[in-house]
Amino acid sequence: MSVRERLYVEEWRRLIEAGEAKLIGIIRQEILSGVRKGSDFEGLRERLRAFPDIVLTEADHEEAARVFNACRARGHSFAAIDLMICAVALRRGMAVYSLDADFRRLAEYVPVKLHKVPGVQGF
């Protein structure tokens, strides 16, 4: 594991231990959908159950649509899941912890906070 990867893992562990890591259902689904072996799926599913889902509301869906419209007005589009993650973070004053460069691009159009990993520049 590279130094950079180790820093990401250590920060993820810190967020979990501090009780700061949160999930929404579609992220749980996305994580589990990438698992091919049944036994690995079951193990990961059990581990993820330590994180109760943030319950989405009508206001979250409306905010995701507002974010979509703001981006589209500037000529950009993003995946619906990414827009929902941003909407949840914006409405709850949370930062997004992701290595997906789309979130860096999204942050150019909406005021979503991106979680910074100490010791790592950029993504």
C-alpha atoms as a PDB file:
ATOM      1  CA  MET A   1       0.000   0.000   0.000  1.00  0.00           C
ATOM      2  CA  SER A   2       1.360   3.425  -0.945  1.00  0.00           C
ATOM      3  CA  VAL A   3       1.782   6.232   1.581  1.00  0.00           C
ATOM      4  CA  ARG A   4      -1.111   8.086  -0.051  1.00  0.00           C
ATOM      5  CA  GLU A   5      -3.404   5.041   0.159  1.00  0.00           C
ATOM      6  CA  ARG A   6      -2.412   4.525   3.794  1.00  0.00           C
ATOM      7  CA  LEU A   7      -3.362   8.144   4.576  1.00  0.00           C
ATOM      8  CA  TYR A   8      -6.802   7.634   3.011  1.00  0.00           C
ATOM      9  CA  VAL A   9      -7.359   4.423   4.979  1.00  0.00           C
ATOM     10  CA  GLU A  10      -6.178   6.003   8.234  1.00  0.00           C
ATOM     11  CA  GLU A  11      -8.493   8.970   7.736  1.00  0.00           C
ATOM     12  CA  TRP A  12     -11.441   6.679   6.954  1.00  0.00           C
ATOM     13  CA  ARG A  13     -10.689   4.723  10.131  1.00  0.00           C
ATOM     14  CA  ARG A  14     -10.517   7.967  12.120  1.00  0.00           C
ATOM     15  CA  LEU A  15     -13.892   9.110  10.769  1.00  0.00           C
ATOM     16  CA  ILE A  16     -15.460   5.772  11.686  1.00  0.00           C
ATOM     17  CA  GLU A  17     -13.994   5.748  15.186  1.00  0.00           C
ATOM     18  CA  ALA A  18     -15.144   9.345  15.728  1.00  0.00           C
ATOM     19  CA  GLY A  19     -18.674   8.420  14.616  1.00  0.00           C
ATOM     20  CA  GLU A  20     -18.477  10.883  11.729  1.00  0.00           C
ATOM     21  CA  ALA A  21     -18.879   8.419   8.831  1.00  0.00           C
ATOM     22  CA  LYS A  22     -22.428   8.370   7.438  1.00  0.00           C
ATOM     23  CA  LEU A  23     -24.187   6.559   4.584  1.00  0.00           C
ATOM     24  CA  ILE A  24     -27.271   6.955   2.481  1.00  0.00           C
ATOM     25  CA  GLY A  25     -29.001   3.867   1.159  1.00  0.00           C
ATOM     26  CA  ILE A  26     -27.923   4.269  -2.450  1.00  0.00           C
ATOM     27  CA  ILE A  27     -24.256   4.351  -1.387  1.00  0.00           C
ATOM     28  CA  ARG A  28     -24.765   1.150   0.605  1.00  0.00           C
ATOM     29  CA  GLN A  29     -26.287  -0.376  -2.537  1.00  0.00           C
ATOM     30  CA  GLU A  30     -23.447   0.890  -4.730  1.00  0.00           C
ATOM     31  CA  ILE A  31     -20.774  -0.517  -2.398  1.00  0.00           C
ATOM     32  CA  LEU A  32     -22.468  -3.907  -2.116  1.00  0.00           C
ATOM     33  CA  SER A  33     -23.207  -4.099  -5.836  1.00  0.00           C
ATOM     34  CA  GLY A  34     -19.495  -4.365  -6.589  1.00  0.00           C
ATOM     35  CA  VAL A  35     -19.021  -7.556  -4.551  1.00  0.00           C
ATOM     36  CA  ARG A  36     -18.916 -10.761  -6.584  1.00  0.00           C
ATOM     37  CA  LYS A  37     -18.522 -13.515  -3.981  1.00  0.00           C
ATOM     38  CA  GLY A  38     -21.492 -14.282  -1.756  1.00  0.00           C
ATOM     39  CA  SER A  39     -19.378 -14.724   1.360  1.00  0.00           C
ATOM     40  CA  ASP A  40     -17.632 -11.388   0.760  1.00  0.00           C
ATOM     41  CA  PHE A  41     -21.027  -9.765   0.225  1.00  0.00           C
ATOM     42  CA  GLU A  42     -22.353 -11.082   3.533  1.00  0.00           C
ATOM     43  CA  GLY A  43     -19.255  -9.977   5.430  1.00  0.00           C
ATOM     44  CA  LEU A  44     -19.307  -6.487   3.964  1.00  0.00           C
ATOM     45  CA  ARG A  45     -23.063  -6.205   4.491  1.00  0.00           C
ATOM     46  CA  GLU A  46     -22.601  -6.988   8.170  1.00  0.00           C
ATOM     47  CA  ARG A  47     -19.825  -4.420   8.521  1.00  0.00           C
ATOM     48  CA  LEU A  48     -21.882  -1.744   6.774  1.00  0.00           C
ATOM     49  CA  ARG A  49     -24.787  -2.342   9.146  1.00  0.00           C
ATOM     50  CA  ALA A  50     -22.759  -0.439  11.735  1.00  0.00           C
ATOM     51  CA  PHE A  51     -23.722   2.672   9.739  1.00  0.00           C
ATOM     52  CA  PRO A  52     -27.446   3.412   9.843  1.00  0.00           C
ATOM     53  CA  ASP A  53     -28.713   5.125   6.716  1.00  0.00           C
ATOM     54  CA  ILE A  54     -29.431   8.826   6.741  1.00  0.00           C
ATOM     55  CA  VAL A  55     -33.139   8.890   5.954  1.00  0.00           C
ATOM     56  CA  LEU A  56     -33.810  10.921   2.831  1.00  0.00           C
ATOM     57  CA  THR A  57     -36.677  13.387   2.745  1.00  0.00           C
ATOM     58  CA  GLU A  58     -38.602  15.240   0.102  1.00  0.00           C
ATOM     59  CA  ALA A  59     -36.339  18.210   0.768  1.00  0.00           C
ATOM     60  CA  ASP A  60     -33.266  16.097  -0.077  1.00  0.00           C
ATOM     61  CA  HIS A  61     -34.755  15.134  -3.434  1.00  0.00           C
ATOM     62  CA  GLU A  62     -35.744  18.734  -4.104  1.00  0.00           C
ATOM     63  CA  GLU A  63     -32.220  19.921  -3.245  1.00  0.00           C
ATOM     64  CA  ALA A  64     -30.738  17.278  -5.566  1.00  0.00           C
ATOM     65  CA  ALA A  65     -32.972  18.611  -8.352  1.00  0.00           C
ATOM     66  CA  ARG A  66     -31.898  22.191  -7.546  1.00  0.00           C
ATOM     67  CA  VAL A  67     -28.236  21.134  -7.737  1.00  0.00           C
ATOM     68  CA  PHE A  68     -28.927  19.355 -11.041  1.00  0.00           C
ATOM     69  CA  ASN A  69     -30.577  22.469 -12.468  1.00  0.00           C
ATOM     70  CA  ALA A  70     -27.741  24.726 -11.293  1.00  0.00           C
ATOM     71  CA  CYS A  71     -25.176  22.478 -12.964  1.00  0.00           C
ATOM     72  CA  ARG A  72     -27.216  22.050 -16.141  1.00  0.00           C
ATOM     73  CA  ALA A  73     -27.620  25.825 -16.437  1.00  0.00           C
ATOM     74  CA  ARG A  74     -23.840  26.005 -16.631  1.00  0.00           C
ATOM     75  CA  GLY A  75     -23.651  23.229 -19.219  1.00  0.00           C
ATOM     76  CA  HIS A  76     -22.687  20.330 -16.957  1.00  0.00           C
ATOM     77  CA  SER A  77     -24.401  17.152 -15.862  1.00  0.00           C
ATOM     78  CA  PHE A  78     -23.581  14.641 -13.160  1.00  0.00           C
ATOM     79  CA  ALA A  79     -24.844  11.248 -12.029  1.00  0.00           C
ATOM     80  CA  ALA A  80     -28.073  11.351 -10.016  1.00  0.00           C
ATOM     81  CA  ILE A  81     -26.381   9.511  -7.146  1.00  0.00           C
ATOM     82  CA  ASP A  82     -23.617  12.138  -6.933  1.00  0.00           C
ATOM     83  CA  LEU A  83     -26.208  14.907  -6.945  1.00  0.00           C
ATOM     84  CA  MET A  84     -28.094  13.228  -4.096  1.00  0.00           C
ATOM     85  CA  ILE A  85     -24.884  12.858  -2.081  1.00  0.00           C
ATOM     86  CA  CYS A  86     -24.222  16.570  -2.573  1.00  0.00           C
ATOM     87  CA  ALA A  87     -27.789  17.480  -1.642  1.00  0.00           C
ATOM     88  CA  VAL A  88     -27.609  15.479   1.592  1.00  0.00           C
ATOM     89  CA  ALA A  89     -24.239  17.017   2.466  1.00  0.00           C
ATOM     90  CA  LEU A  90     -25.408  20.545   1.676  1.00  0.00           C
ATOM     91  CA  ARG A  91     -28.620  20.268   3.676  1.00  0.00           C
ATOM     92  CA  ARG A  92     -26.894  18.760   6.698  1.00  0.00           C
ATOM     93  CA  GLY A  93     -23.686  20.803   6.665  1.00  0.00           C
ATOM     94  CA  MET A  94     -21.584  17.703   6.051  1.00  0.00           C
ATOM     95  CA  ALA A  95     -18.465  17.186   3.942  1.00  0.00           C
ATOM     96  CA  VAL A  96     -18.229  14.533   1.226  1.00  0.00           C
ATOM     97  CA  TYR A  97     -15.408  12.003   1.599  1.00  0.00           C
ATOM     98  CA  SER A  98     -14.767  10.542  -1.831  1.00  0.00           C
ATOM     99  CA  LEU A  99     -11.913   9.943  -4.227  1.00  0.00           C
ATOM    100  CA  ASP A 100     -14.255  10.468  -7.192  1.00  0.00           C
ATOM    101  CA  ALA A 101     -13.079  13.499  -9.192  1.00  0.00           C
ATOM    102  CA  ASP A 102     -16.704  14.302 -10.102  1.00  0.00           C
ATOM    103  CA  PHE A 103     -17.156  15.714  -6.606  1.00  0.00           C
ATOM    104  CA  ARG A 104     -14.262  18.105  -7.136  1.00  0.00           C
ATOM    105  CA  ARG A 105     -15.980  19.241 -10.348  1.00  0.00           C
ATOM    106  CA  LEU A 106     -19.345  19.514  -8.578  1.00  0.00           C
ATOM    107  CA  ALA A 107     -17.766  21.723  -5.925  1.00  0.00           C
ATOM    108  CA  GLU A 108     -17.011  24.220  -8.698  1.00  0.00           C
ATOM    109  CA  TYR A 109     -20.768  24.707  -9.247  1.00  0.00           C
ATOM    110  CA  VAL A 110     -22.327  24.209  -5.814  1.00  0.00           C
ATOM    111  CA  PRO A 111     -20.955  25.005  -2.339  1.00  0.00           C
ATOM    112  CA  VAL A 112     -20.523  21.391  -1.253  1.00  0.00           C
ATOM    113  CA  LYS A 113     -17.676  20.810   1.198  1.00  0.00           C
ATOM    114  CA  LEU A 114     -15.148  18.122   0.324  1.00  0.00           C
ATOM    115  CA  HIS A 115     -13.433  16.292   3.170  1.00  0.00           C
ATOM    116  CA  LYS A 116      -9.693  16.902   3.110  1.00  0.00           C
ATOM    117  CA  VAL A 117      -7.361  14.085   4.106  1.00  0.00           C
ATOM    118  CA  PRO A 118      -4.453  15.444   6.173  1.00  0.00           C
ATOM    119  CA  GLY A 119      -1.167  15.065   4.324  1.00  0.00           C
ATOM    120  CA  VAL A 120      -2.779  14.569   0.885  1.00  0.00           C
ATOM    121  CA  GLN A 121      -2.929  17.286  -1.767  1.00  0.00           C
ATOM    122  CA  GLY A 122      -6.073  17.196  -3.939  1.00  0.00           C
ATOM    123  CA  PHE A 123      -7.657  13.812  -4.503  1.00  0.00           C
END
